[in-house]
Amino acid sequence: MKNILVTGGSGKAGRAVCRHLVERGYNVLNIDMQPSSDPVCPMLKVDLTDFAQVMDAMQWSGGKDHPFRKFRTPDAVVHFAAIPAPDLQPEEVTFRTNIVSTYNVFDAALRAGVRRIVWASSETTLGLPFSPENPPAYAPVDEDHPMRPESGYSLSKDLGEEMARQMARWNPGTSFIGLRLSNVMEPRDYARFASWQDTPHFREWNLWGYIDARDCAQAVRRALHVDLVGADHFIIANADSVMTRPSADLMAEVFPNVPMRGAVSGTQTLLSIEKARRVLGYEPEYSWREARV
C-alpha cells in the first residue's frame, strides 16, 4: 500500500493528506484541476466529471523519466475532490458535480484493479445544519443517527455512501471506507475560535464540532490499512469541541429536549468518534486549545 492516488489533493483536507502520506514514505499522485499551494507531490490535471480522463489517470505512468513511471495502477485511491460545502454553487451544479465525479472515481478505480477506496463523506448527511427547529435525534451523534440530508451537497454524500455499498457488493473483496468529516480546520483558522465563545448559536449547526486537517490525514492513513472488506463509514472529528464551555451545558441551553446518550465530560465532542477509535485505531493528536497561531 505505497502508491496512493489522491483526488482533490489541492484542497484544504487534501493538502494535509498528501503531506502526511509523503512524509511517511508513500508515493502520492495528486489529481486536481488546480495546483496545490503545498506541492509536496506530482499533480495531474484531471476533470473528474469526464470518465475517460479519470480512467486514464488511474493507469498514468508519467513517462520514462517521471518519478511515477512505475506507478501505473495505484494500490489505493483517496477520493477527496468535490465541491466541498453547500451554497458555494447552485444546488444542481453541486449535486451533479459531486455525484458524477464520485461515480467516475469509484468505477474507474475498480476497472483499473484498485481494491481499496477511502473517500470523504460528510457530517452533513446526519441532518446538518442542526438548529432548535431541526435538532439531532440524540447526542452525541454517532453512525447510527438517521441519515437526513438537507441540501444537494449532503444528498450527494448520502448517495455516495449508497453507491459505495452497492459497488462493494458487486466487487467482493473490495473496501470502500467513507469518512464523515467534520468542518475541516487548519491551524491558521484557530484564531477565529475566540469570536465564537459568547454566541453558542453560531456553531450549533454541527454541534460545535471540527476536524484538524492533520487529524483528518491521520484517519485517511489508518483507513488505508485497516482490516476491513466491504463498505463502511466513520464520523471523523476532533476529540473536543470548538467551544470553551462544557458540551453538556451547551446542549442544555440550545437543545434542551434532545436525549443524551451517555455522559459527556468537559468539552468532549458531540460528534462521536468511538467507532473510528475502535475500528480504525484513530485518535486525534491536535486541538485548537494547544495551537500557537
C-alpha atoms as a PDB file:
ATOM      1  CA  MET A   1       0.000   0.000   0.000  1.00  0.00           C
ATOM      2  CA  LYS A   2       2.610   2.530  -1.103  1.00  0.00           C
ATOM      3  CA  ASN A   3       1.286   4.100  -4.316  1.00  0.00           C
ATOM      4  CA  ILE A   4      -1.689   6.320  -3.488  1.00  0.00           C
ATOM      5  CA  LEU A   5      -3.752   8.418  -5.884  1.00  0.00           C
ATOM      6  CA  VAL A   6      -5.402  11.352  -4.094  1.00  0.00           C
ATOM      7  CA  THR A   7      -8.188  13.240  -5.828  1.00  0.00           C
ATOM      8  CA  GLY A   8      -8.638  16.797  -4.603  1.00  0.00           C
ATOM      9  CA  GLY A   9      -5.123  16.879  -3.207  1.00  0.00           C
ATOM     10  CA  SER A  10      -5.010  20.657  -3.679  1.00  0.00           C
ATOM     11  CA  GLY A  11      -7.909  21.325  -1.292  1.00  0.00           C
ATOM     12  CA  LYS A  12      -7.694  22.061   2.422  1.00  0.00           C
ATOM     13  CA  ALA A  13      -8.030  18.455   3.603  1.00  0.00           C
ATOM     14  CA  GLY A  14      -6.339  17.050   0.503  1.00  0.00           C
ATOM     15  CA  ARG A  15      -3.170  19.080   1.056  1.00  0.00           C
ATOM     16  CA  ALA A  16      -2.858  17.695   4.564  1.00  0.00           C
ATOM     17  CA  VAL A  17      -3.433  14.149   3.309  1.00  0.00           C
ATOM     18  CA  CYS A  18      -0.766  14.460   0.612  1.00  0.00           C
ATOM     19  CA  ARG A  19       1.803  15.903   3.015  1.00  0.00           C
ATOM     20  CA  HIS A  20       1.053  13.341   5.729  1.00  0.00           C
ATOM     21  CA  LEU A  21       1.466  10.420   3.324  1.00  0.00           C
ATOM     22  CA  VAL A  22       4.564  11.787   1.555  1.00  0.00           C
ATOM     23  CA  GLU A  23       6.283  12.406   4.892  1.00  0.00           C
ATOM     24  CA  ARG A  24       5.699   8.743   5.741  1.00  0.00           C
ATOM     25  CA  GLY A  25       7.217   7.376   2.573  1.00  0.00           C
ATOM     26  CA  TYR A  26       4.199   6.890   0.335  1.00  0.00           C
ATOM     27  CA  ASN A  27       4.283   7.654  -3.392  1.00  0.00           C
ATOM     28  CA  VAL A  28       1.431  10.101  -3.912  1.00  0.00           C
ATOM     29  CA  LEU A  29      -0.130  11.474  -7.083  1.00  0.00           C
ATOM     30  CA  ASN A  30      -2.467  14.469  -6.710  1.00  0.00           C
ATOM     31  CA  ILE A  31      -5.403  14.566  -9.136  1.00  0.00           C
ATOM     32  CA  ASP A  32      -6.981  18.005  -9.250  1.00  0.00           C
ATOM     33  CA  MET A  33      -7.948  20.862 -11.540  1.00  0.00           C
ATOM     34  CA  GLN A  34      -5.880  23.442  -9.654  1.00  0.00           C
ATOM     35  CA  PRO A  35      -2.264  23.285  -8.429  1.00  0.00           C
ATOM     36  CA  SER A  36      -1.680  22.871  -4.714  1.00  0.00           C
ATOM     37  CA  SER A  37      -0.388  25.696  -2.525  1.00  0.00           C
ATOM     38  CA  ASP A  38       1.708  22.980  -0.840  1.00  0.00           C
ATOM     39  CA  PRO A  39       3.087  20.986  -3.786  1.00  0.00           C
ATOM     40  CA  VAL A  40       4.675  18.047  -1.983  1.00  0.00           C
ATOM     41  CA  CYS A  41       3.935  15.549  -4.778  1.00  0.00           C
ATOM     42  CA  PRO A  42       3.326  15.453  -8.535  1.00  0.00           C
ATOM     43  CA  MET A  43      -0.038  16.637  -9.819  1.00  0.00           C
ATOM     44  CA  LEU A  44      -2.088  15.591 -12.818  1.00  0.00           C
ATOM     45  CA  LYS A  45      -4.813  17.920 -14.054  1.00  0.00           C
ATOM     46  CA  VAL A  46      -7.991  15.880 -14.489  1.00  0.00           C
ATOM     47  CA  ASP A  47     -11.663  16.785 -14.843  1.00  0.00           C
ATOM     48  CA  LEU A  48     -13.309  14.103 -12.699  1.00  0.00           C
ATOM     49  CA  THR A  49     -16.668  14.592 -14.400  1.00  0.00           C
ATOM     50  CA  ASP A  50     -15.060  13.201 -17.591  1.00  0.00           C
ATOM     51  CA  PHE A  51     -14.862   9.427 -17.192  1.00  0.00           C
ATOM     52  CA  ALA A  52     -12.230   8.983 -19.914  1.00  0.00           C
ATOM     53  CA  GLN A  53      -9.868  11.377 -18.128  1.00  0.00           C
ATOM     54  CA  VAL A  54     -10.409   9.581 -14.828  1.00  0.00           C
ATOM     55  CA  MET A  55      -9.802   6.173 -16.362  1.00  0.00           C
ATOM     56  CA  ASP A  56      -6.603   7.413 -17.965  1.00  0.00           C
ATOM     57  CA  ALA A  57      -5.403   8.886 -14.657  1.00  0.00           C
ATOM     58  CA  MET A  58      -5.867   5.539 -12.904  1.00  0.00           C
ATOM     59  CA  GLN A  59      -3.213   3.996 -15.132  1.00  0.00           C
ATOM     60  CA  TRP A  60      -0.957   7.001 -15.685  1.00  0.00           C
ATOM     61  CA  SER A  61       2.750   6.207 -15.940  1.00  0.00           C
ATOM     62  CA  GLY A  62       4.166   9.720 -16.316  1.00  0.00           C
ATOM     63  CA  GLY A  63       6.721   8.822 -18.955  1.00  0.00           C
ATOM     64  CA  LYS A  64      10.085   7.091 -18.635  1.00  0.00           C
ATOM     65  CA  ASP A  65      11.824   9.936 -16.800  1.00  0.00           C
ATOM     66  CA  HIS A  66       8.984  10.782 -14.444  1.00  0.00           C
ATOM     67  CA  PRO A  67       9.134   9.688 -10.775  1.00  0.00           C
ATOM     68  CA  PHE A  68       5.801   7.930 -11.306  1.00  0.00           C
ATOM     69  CA  ARG A  69       6.939   5.906 -14.305  1.00  0.00           C
ATOM     70  CA  LYS A  70       6.275   2.728 -12.293  1.00  0.00           C
ATOM     71  CA  PHE A  71       3.109   3.996 -10.612  1.00  0.00           C
ATOM     72  CA  ARG A  72       0.646   2.534 -13.102  1.00  0.00           C
ATOM     73  CA  THR A  73      -2.330   1.187 -11.121  1.00  0.00           C
ATOM     74  CA  PRO A  74      -2.369   2.709  -7.619  1.00  0.00           C
ATOM     75  CA  ASP A  75      -2.554   0.494  -4.553  1.00  0.00           C
ATOM     76  CA  ALA A  76      -5.395   2.641  -3.226  1.00  0.00           C
ATOM     77  CA  VAL A  77      -7.409   5.724  -4.117  1.00  0.00           C
ATOM     78  CA  VAL A  78      -8.227   8.532  -1.685  1.00  0.00           C
ATOM     79  CA  HIS A  79     -11.172  10.468  -3.136  1.00  0.00           C
ATOM     80  CA  PHE A  80     -11.462  13.956  -1.615  1.00  0.00           C
ATOM     81  CA  ALA A  81     -12.308  16.004  -4.703  1.00  0.00           C
ATOM     82  CA  ALA A  82     -15.709  17.703  -4.564  1.00  0.00           C
ATOM     83  CA  ILE A  83     -17.484  20.990  -4.332  1.00  0.00           C
ATOM     84  CA  PRO A  84     -16.757  20.990  -0.576  1.00  0.00           C
ATOM     85  CA  ALA A  85     -19.854  22.530   1.020  1.00  0.00           C
ATOM     86  CA  PRO A  86     -23.429  23.683   0.384  1.00  0.00           C
ATOM     87  CA  ASP A  87     -24.145  27.127  -1.054  1.00  0.00           C
ATOM     88  CA  LEU A  88     -20.866  27.525  -2.937  1.00  0.00           C
ATOM     89  CA  GLN A  89     -22.547  26.715  -6.261  1.00  0.00           C
ATOM     90  CA  PRO A  90     -26.175  26.310  -7.365  1.00  0.00           C
ATOM     91  CA  GLU A  91     -27.662  23.166  -5.825  1.00  0.00           C
ATOM     92  CA  GLU A  92     -27.924  21.361  -9.152  1.00  0.00           C
ATOM     93  CA  VAL A  93     -24.289  22.069 -10.002  1.00  0.00           C
ATOM     94  CA  THR A  94     -23.068  20.861  -6.608  1.00  0.00           C
ATOM     95  CA  PHE A  95     -25.128  17.675  -6.725  1.00  0.00           C
ATOM     96  CA  ARG A  96     -24.277  16.824 -10.335  1.00  0.00           C
ATOM     97  CA  THR A  97     -20.574  17.548  -9.969  1.00  0.00           C
ATOM     98  CA  ASN A  98     -20.166  15.580  -6.754  1.00  0.00           C
ATOM     99  CA  ILE A  99     -22.259  12.561  -7.678  1.00  0.00           C
ATOM    100  CA  VAL A 100     -20.820  12.178 -11.198  1.00  0.00           C
ATOM    101  CA  SER A 101     -17.226  12.616 -10.066  1.00  0.00           C
ATOM    102  CA  THR A 102     -17.682  10.121  -7.233  1.00  0.00           C
ATOM    103  CA  TYR A 103     -19.206   7.556  -9.580  1.00  0.00           C
ATOM    104  CA  ASN A 104     -16.410   8.068 -12.089  1.00  0.00           C
ATOM    105  CA  VAL A 105     -13.662   7.687  -9.486  1.00  0.00           C
ATOM    106  CA  PHE A 106     -15.231   4.607  -7.906  1.00  0.00           C
ATOM    107  CA  ASP A 107     -15.919   2.892 -11.229  1.00  0.00           C
ATOM    108  CA  ALA A 108     -12.593   3.760 -12.865  1.00  0.00           C
ATOM    109  CA  ALA A 109     -10.677   2.616  -9.779  1.00  0.00           C
ATOM    110  CA  LEU A 110     -12.438  -0.743  -9.800  1.00  0.00           C
ATOM    111  CA  ARG A 111     -11.910  -1.186 -13.544  1.00  0.00           C
ATOM    112  CA  ALA A 112      -8.200  -0.471 -13.023  1.00  0.00           C
ATOM    113  CA  GLY A 113      -7.962  -3.141 -10.333  1.00  0.00           C
ATOM    114  CA  VAL A 114      -7.884  -0.932  -7.229  1.00  0.00           C
ATOM    115  CA  ARG A 115      -9.257  -2.794  -4.218  1.00  0.00           C
ATOM    116  CA  ARG A 116      -9.322  -0.042  -1.581  1.00  0.00           C
ATOM    117  CA  ILE A 117     -11.005   3.358  -1.817  1.00  0.00           C
ATOM    118  CA  VAL A 118     -11.011   5.833   1.066  1.00  0.00           C
ATOM    119  CA  TRP A 119     -13.275   8.781   0.433  1.00  0.00           C
ATOM    120  CA  ALA A 120     -14.683  11.936   2.001  1.00  0.00           C
ATOM    121  CA  SER A 121     -18.289  11.630   3.024  1.00  0.00           C
ATOM    122  CA  SER A 122     -19.634  14.317   5.349  1.00  0.00           C
ATOM    123  CA  GLU A 123     -21.146  15.068   8.740  1.00  0.00           C
ATOM    124  CA  THR A 124     -23.897  16.884   6.825  1.00  0.00           C
ATOM    125  CA  THR A 125     -25.527  13.557   5.932  1.00  0.00           C
ATOM    126  CA  LEU A 126     -26.715  13.341   9.557  1.00  0.00           C
ATOM    127  CA  GLY A 127     -29.112  16.280   9.350  1.00  0.00           C
ATOM    128  CA  LEU A 128     -26.962  19.406   9.341  1.00  0.00           C
ATOM    129  CA  PRO A 129     -27.493  22.233   9.805  1.00  0.00           C
ATOM    130  CA  PHE A 130     -28.874  21.443  13.247  1.00  0.00           C
ATOM    131  CA  SER A 131     -30.925  24.131  14.981  1.00  0.00           C
ATOM    132  CA  PRO A 132     -33.546  24.270  17.727  1.00  0.00           C
ATOM    133  CA  GLU A 133     -36.108  23.809  14.927  1.00  0.00           C
ATOM    134  CA  ASN A 134     -34.112  20.930  13.388  1.00  0.00           C
ATOM    135  CA  PRO A 135     -32.408  19.207  16.317  1.00  0.00           C
ATOM    136  CA  PRO A 136     -30.444  15.973  16.238  1.00  0.00           C
ATOM    137  CA  ALA A 137     -32.325  12.845  17.262  1.00  0.00           C
ATOM    138  CA  TYR A 138     -29.891  12.394  20.161  1.00  0.00           C
ATOM    139  CA  ALA A 139     -26.367  13.302  21.219  1.00  0.00           C
ATOM    140  CA  PRO A 140     -23.569  12.541  20.946  1.00  0.00           C
ATOM    141  CA  VAL A 141     -24.419  11.845  17.306  1.00  0.00           C
ATOM    142  CA  ASP A 142     -22.960   8.579  16.039  1.00  0.00           C
ATOM    143  CA  GLU A 143     -23.072   6.475  12.875  1.00  0.00           C
ATOM    144  CA  ASP A 144     -26.498   5.050  13.800  1.00  0.00           C
ATOM    145  CA  HIS A 145     -28.096   8.503  13.720  1.00  0.00           C
ATOM    146  CA  PRO A 146     -30.761   8.812  10.992  1.00  0.00           C
ATOM    147  CA  MET A 147     -29.473   9.986   7.629  1.00  0.00           C
ATOM    148  CA  ARG A 148     -31.195  13.313   6.970  1.00  0.00           C
ATOM    149  CA  PRO A 149     -29.549  15.146   4.067  1.00  0.00           C
ATOM    150  CA  GLU A 150     -30.813  18.725   3.886  1.00  0.00           C
ATOM    151  CA  SER A 151     -29.097  20.004   0.719  1.00  0.00           C
ATOM    152  CA  GLY A 152     -27.915  18.911  -2.700  1.00  0.00           C
ATOM    153  CA  TYR A 153     -24.427  18.688  -1.220  1.00  0.00           C
ATOM    154  CA  SER A 154     -25.381  16.390   1.660  1.00  0.00           C
ATOM    155  CA  LEU A 155     -27.628  14.353  -0.635  1.00  0.00           C
ATOM    156  CA  SER A 156     -24.656  13.754  -2.942  1.00  0.00           C
ATOM    157  CA  LYS A 157     -22.685  12.416   0.040  1.00  0.00           C
ATOM    158  CA  ASP A 158     -25.598  10.261   1.235  1.00  0.00           C
ATOM    159  CA  LEU A 159     -25.965   8.733  -2.213  1.00  0.00           C
ATOM    160  CA  GLY A 160     -22.184   8.339  -2.415  1.00  0.00           C
ATOM    161  CA  GLU A 161     -22.387   6.066   0.624  1.00  0.00           C
ATOM    162  CA  GLU A 162     -25.103   4.007  -1.062  1.00  0.00           C
ATOM    163  CA  MET A 163     -23.004   3.882  -4.219  1.00  0.00           C
ATOM    164  CA  ALA A 164     -20.090   2.532  -2.184  1.00  0.00           C
ATOM    165  CA  ARG A 165     -22.270  -0.155  -0.602  1.00  0.00           C
ATOM    166  CA  GLN A 166     -23.590  -1.382  -3.930  1.00  0.00           C
ATOM    167  CA  MET A 167     -20.218  -1.285  -5.718  1.00  0.00           C
ATOM    168  CA  ALA A 168     -18.652  -3.219  -2.840  1.00  0.00           C
ATOM    169  CA  ARG A 169     -21.425  -5.787  -3.244  1.00  0.00           C
ATOM    170  CA  TRP A 170     -20.723  -6.050  -6.975  1.00  0.00           C
ATOM    171  CA  ASN A 171     -16.992  -6.433  -6.316  1.00  0.00           C
ATOM    172  CA  PRO A 172     -16.387  -8.863  -3.428  1.00  0.00           C
ATOM    173  CA  GLY A 173     -13.115  -8.307  -1.626  1.00  0.00           C
ATOM    174  CA  THR A 174     -13.029  -4.558  -2.213  1.00  0.00           C
ATOM    175  CA  SER A 175     -13.055  -1.920   0.531  1.00  0.00           C
ATOM    176  CA  PHE A 176     -14.868   1.431   0.497  1.00  0.00           C
ATOM    177  CA  ILE A 177     -14.227   3.463   3.632  1.00  0.00           C
ATOM    178  CA  GLY A 178     -16.257   6.658   3.902  1.00  0.00           C
ATOM    179  CA  LEU A 179     -15.039   9.310   6.324  1.00  0.00           C
ATOM    180  CA  ARG A 180     -17.842  11.576   7.507  1.00  0.00           C
ATOM    181  CA  LEU A 181     -15.598  14.574   8.025  1.00  0.00           C
ATOM    182  CA  SER A 182     -16.493  17.383  10.359  1.00  0.00           C
ATOM    183  CA  ASN A 183     -15.708  21.022   9.498  1.00  0.00           C
ATOM    184  CA  VAL A 184     -12.050  20.935   8.368  1.00  0.00           C
ATOM    185  CA  MET A 185      -9.730  23.423  10.074  1.00  0.00           C
ATOM    186  CA  GLU A 186      -6.084  24.334   9.579  1.00  0.00           C
ATOM    187  CA  PRO A 187      -4.009  25.885  12.406  1.00  0.00           C
ATOM    188  CA  ARG A 188      -4.391  29.335  10.867  1.00  0.00           C
ATOM    189  CA  ASP A 189      -8.189  29.006  11.288  1.00  0.00           C
ATOM    190  CA  TYR A 190      -7.956  28.757  15.068  1.00  0.00           C
ATOM    191  CA  ALA A 191      -7.568  32.496  15.543  1.00  0.00           C
ATOM    192  CA  ARG A 192     -11.293  32.787  14.712  1.00  0.00           C
ATOM    193  CA  PHE A 193     -12.436  30.493  17.518  1.00  0.00           C
ATOM    194  CA  ALA A 194     -12.291  33.204  20.196  1.00  0.00           C
ATOM    195  CA  SER A 195     -15.015  35.167  18.414  1.00  0.00           C
ATOM    196  CA  TRP A 196     -17.480  32.262  18.783  1.00  0.00           C
ATOM    197  CA  GLN A 197     -17.329  31.816  22.547  1.00  0.00           C
ATOM    198  CA  ASP A 198     -20.059  34.269  23.546  1.00  0.00           C
ATOM    199  CA  THR A 199     -22.561  33.033  20.947  1.00  0.00           C
ATOM    200  CA  PRO A 200     -23.328  29.317  21.278  1.00  0.00           C
ATOM    201  CA  HIS A 201     -25.907  29.503  18.495  1.00  0.00           C
ATOM    202  CA  PHE A 202     -23.225  30.495  15.964  1.00  0.00           C
ATOM    203  CA  ARG A 203     -21.818  26.956  15.812  1.00  0.00           C
ATOM    204  CA  GLU A 204     -24.885  24.945  16.825  1.00  0.00           C
ATOM    205  CA  TRP A 205     -25.283  23.806  13.218  1.00  0.00           C
ATOM    206  CA  ASN A 206     -22.759  20.962  13.637  1.00  0.00           C
ATOM    207  CA  LEU A 207     -22.892  20.574  17.435  1.00  0.00           C
ATOM    208  CA  TRP A 208     -19.742  22.694  17.780  1.00  0.00           C
ATOM    209  CA  GLY A 209     -17.567  20.126  16.024  1.00  0.00           C
ATOM    210  CA  TYR A 210     -14.428  20.382  13.889  1.00  0.00           C
ATOM    211  CA  ILE A 211     -11.602  18.272  12.468  1.00  0.00           C
ATOM    212  CA  ASP A 212      -7.996  19.423  12.302  1.00  0.00           C
ATOM    213  CA  ALA A 213      -6.771  18.750   8.755  1.00  0.00           C
ATOM    214  CA  ARG A 214      -3.769  16.880  10.157  1.00  0.00           C
ATOM    215  CA  ASP A 215      -6.012  14.524  12.137  1.00  0.00           C
ATOM    216  CA  CYS A 216      -8.098  14.063   9.010  1.00  0.00           C
ATOM    217  CA  ALA A 217      -4.916  12.918   7.261  1.00  0.00           C
ATOM    218  CA  GLN A 218      -4.168  10.507  10.097  1.00  0.00           C
ATOM    219  CA  ALA A 219      -7.654   8.994   9.716  1.00  0.00           C
ATOM    220  CA  VAL A 220      -7.016   8.501   5.999  1.00  0.00           C
ATOM    221  CA  ARG A 221      -3.746   6.676   6.638  1.00  0.00           C
ATOM    222  CA  ARG A 222      -5.394   4.397   9.171  1.00  0.00           C
ATOM    223  CA  ALA A 223      -8.254   3.701   6.760  1.00  0.00           C
ATOM    224  CA  LEU A 224      -5.751   2.688   4.085  1.00  0.00           C
ATOM    225  CA  HIS A 225      -4.502  -0.158   6.272  1.00  0.00           C
ATOM    226  CA  VAL A 226      -7.433  -1.270   8.435  1.00  0.00           C
ATOM    227  CA  ASP A 227      -8.506  -4.905   8.040  1.00  0.00           C
ATOM    228  CA  LEU A 228     -11.907  -4.204   6.524  1.00  0.00           C
ATOM    229  CA  VAL A 229     -13.713  -5.587   3.481  1.00  0.00           C
ATOM    230  CA  GLY A 230     -16.933  -4.143   2.084  1.00  0.00           C
ATOM    231  CA  ALA A 231     -18.306  -0.662   2.665  1.00  0.00           C
ATOM    232  CA  ASP A 232     -18.324   1.169   5.981  1.00  0.00           C
ATOM    233  CA  HIS A 233     -18.359   4.754   7.217  1.00  0.00           C
ATOM    234  CA  PHE A 234     -16.961   6.643  10.193  1.00  0.00           C
ATOM    235  CA  ILE A 235     -17.504  10.036  11.792  1.00  0.00           C
ATOM    236  CA  ILE A 236     -14.144  11.836  11.879  1.00  0.00           C
ATOM    237  CA  ALA A 237     -13.938  14.765  14.278  1.00  0.00           C
ATOM    238  CA  ASN A 238     -11.552  16.049  16.895  1.00  0.00           C
ATOM    239  CA  ALA A 239     -11.883  14.886  20.485  1.00  0.00           C
ATOM    240  CA  ASP A 240     -13.039  18.299  21.693  1.00  0.00           C
ATOM    241  CA  SER A 241     -15.479  20.981  20.559  1.00  0.00           C
ATOM    242  CA  VAL A 242     -14.775  24.471  19.242  1.00  0.00           C
ATOM    243  CA  MET A 243     -16.073  25.978  22.500  1.00  0.00           C
ATOM    244  CA  THR A 244     -14.644  26.596  25.972  1.00  0.00           C
ATOM    245  CA  ARG A 245     -17.990  25.901  27.686  1.00  0.00           C
ATOM    246  CA  PRO A 246     -18.753  22.290  28.673  1.00  0.00           C
ATOM    247  CA  SER A 247     -20.571  20.381  25.949  1.00  0.00           C
ATOM    248  CA  ALA A 248     -23.339  19.273  28.327  1.00  0.00           C
ATOM    249  CA  ASP A 249     -24.057  22.930  29.183  1.00  0.00           C
ATOM    250  CA  LEU A 250     -24.273  23.844  25.505  1.00  0.00           C
ATOM    251  CA  MET A 251     -26.737  21.022  24.864  1.00  0.00           C
ATOM    252  CA  ALA A 252     -28.843  22.032  27.871  1.00  0.00           C
ATOM    253  CA  GLU A 253     -29.075  25.630  26.630  1.00  0.00           C
ATOM    254  CA  VAL A 254     -29.514  25.133  22.885  1.00  0.00           C
ATOM    255  CA  PHE A 255     -31.040  21.651  22.594  1.00  0.00           C
ATOM    256  CA  PRO A 256     -32.723  21.050  25.983  1.00  0.00           C
ATOM    257  CA  ASN A 257     -35.108  18.394  24.656  1.00  0.00           C
ATOM    258  CA  VAL A 258     -32.533  16.269  22.833  1.00  0.00           C
ATOM    259  CA  PRO A 259     -31.832  12.972  24.646  1.00  0.00           C
ATOM    260  CA  MET A 260     -28.241  12.493  25.789  1.00  0.00           C
ATOM    261  CA  ARG A 261     -26.871   9.002  25.251  1.00  0.00           C
ATOM    262  CA  GLY A 262     -24.216   8.578  27.902  1.00  0.00           C
ATOM    263  CA  ALA A 263     -22.223  11.059  29.912  1.00  0.00           C
ATOM    264  CA  VAL A 264     -20.313  13.845  28.169  1.00  0.00           C
ATOM    265  CA  SER A 265     -17.385  15.261  30.103  1.00  0.00           C
ATOM    266  CA  GLY A 266     -15.903  18.721  29.744  1.00  0.00           C
ATOM    267  CA  THR A 267     -15.585  19.959  26.186  1.00  0.00           C
ATOM    268  CA  GLN A 268     -15.870  16.447  24.699  1.00  0.00           C
ATOM    269  CA  THR A 269     -17.017  16.307  21.092  1.00  0.00           C
ATOM    270  CA  LEU A 270     -20.708  15.735  20.460  1.00  0.00           C
ATOM    271  CA  LEU A 271     -19.843  14.023  17.162  1.00  0.00           C
ATOM    272  CA  SER A 272     -18.965  10.567  18.428  1.00  0.00           C
ATOM    273  CA  ILE A 273     -15.621   9.199  17.241  1.00  0.00           C
ATOM    274  CA  GLU A 274     -15.873   5.982  19.258  1.00  0.00           C
ATOM    275  CA  LYS A 275     -16.379   3.796  16.181  1.00  0.00           C
ATOM    276  CA  ALA A 276     -13.355   5.355  14.445  1.00  0.00           C
ATOM    277  CA  ARG A 277     -11.313   4.767  17.583  1.00  0.00           C
ATOM    278  CA  ARG A 278     -12.440   1.166  17.904  1.00  0.00           C
ATOM    279  CA  VAL A 279     -12.197   0.073  14.271  1.00  0.00           C
ATOM    280  CA  LEU A 280      -9.599   2.364  12.668  1.00  0.00           C
ATOM    281  CA  GLY A 281      -7.414   2.971  15.707  1.00  0.00           C
ATOM    282  CA  TYR A 282      -7.962   6.692  15.165  1.00  0.00           C
ATOM    283  CA  GLU A 283      -7.044   9.039  17.994  1.00  0.00           C
ATOM    284  CA  PRO A 284      -6.901  12.828  17.458  1.00  0.00           C
ATOM    285  CA  GLU A 285      -3.466  14.319  18.062  1.00  0.00           C
ATOM    286  CA  TYR A 286      -4.288  18.025  17.708  1.00  0.00           C
ATOM    287  CA  SER A 287      -6.555  20.553  19.364  1.00  0.00           C
ATOM    288  CA  TRP A 288      -7.184  24.235  18.807  1.00  0.00           C
ATOM    289  CA  ARG A 289      -6.599  24.723  22.551  1.00  0.00           C
ATOM    290  CA  GLU A 290      -2.903  23.960  22.202  1.00  0.00           C
ATOM    291  CA  ALA A 291      -2.436  25.710  18.869  1.00  0.00           C
ATOM    292  CA  ARG A 292       0.047  28.551  18.504  1.00  0.00           C
ATOM    293  CA  VAL A 293      -1.306  30.874  15.825  1.00  0.00           C
END
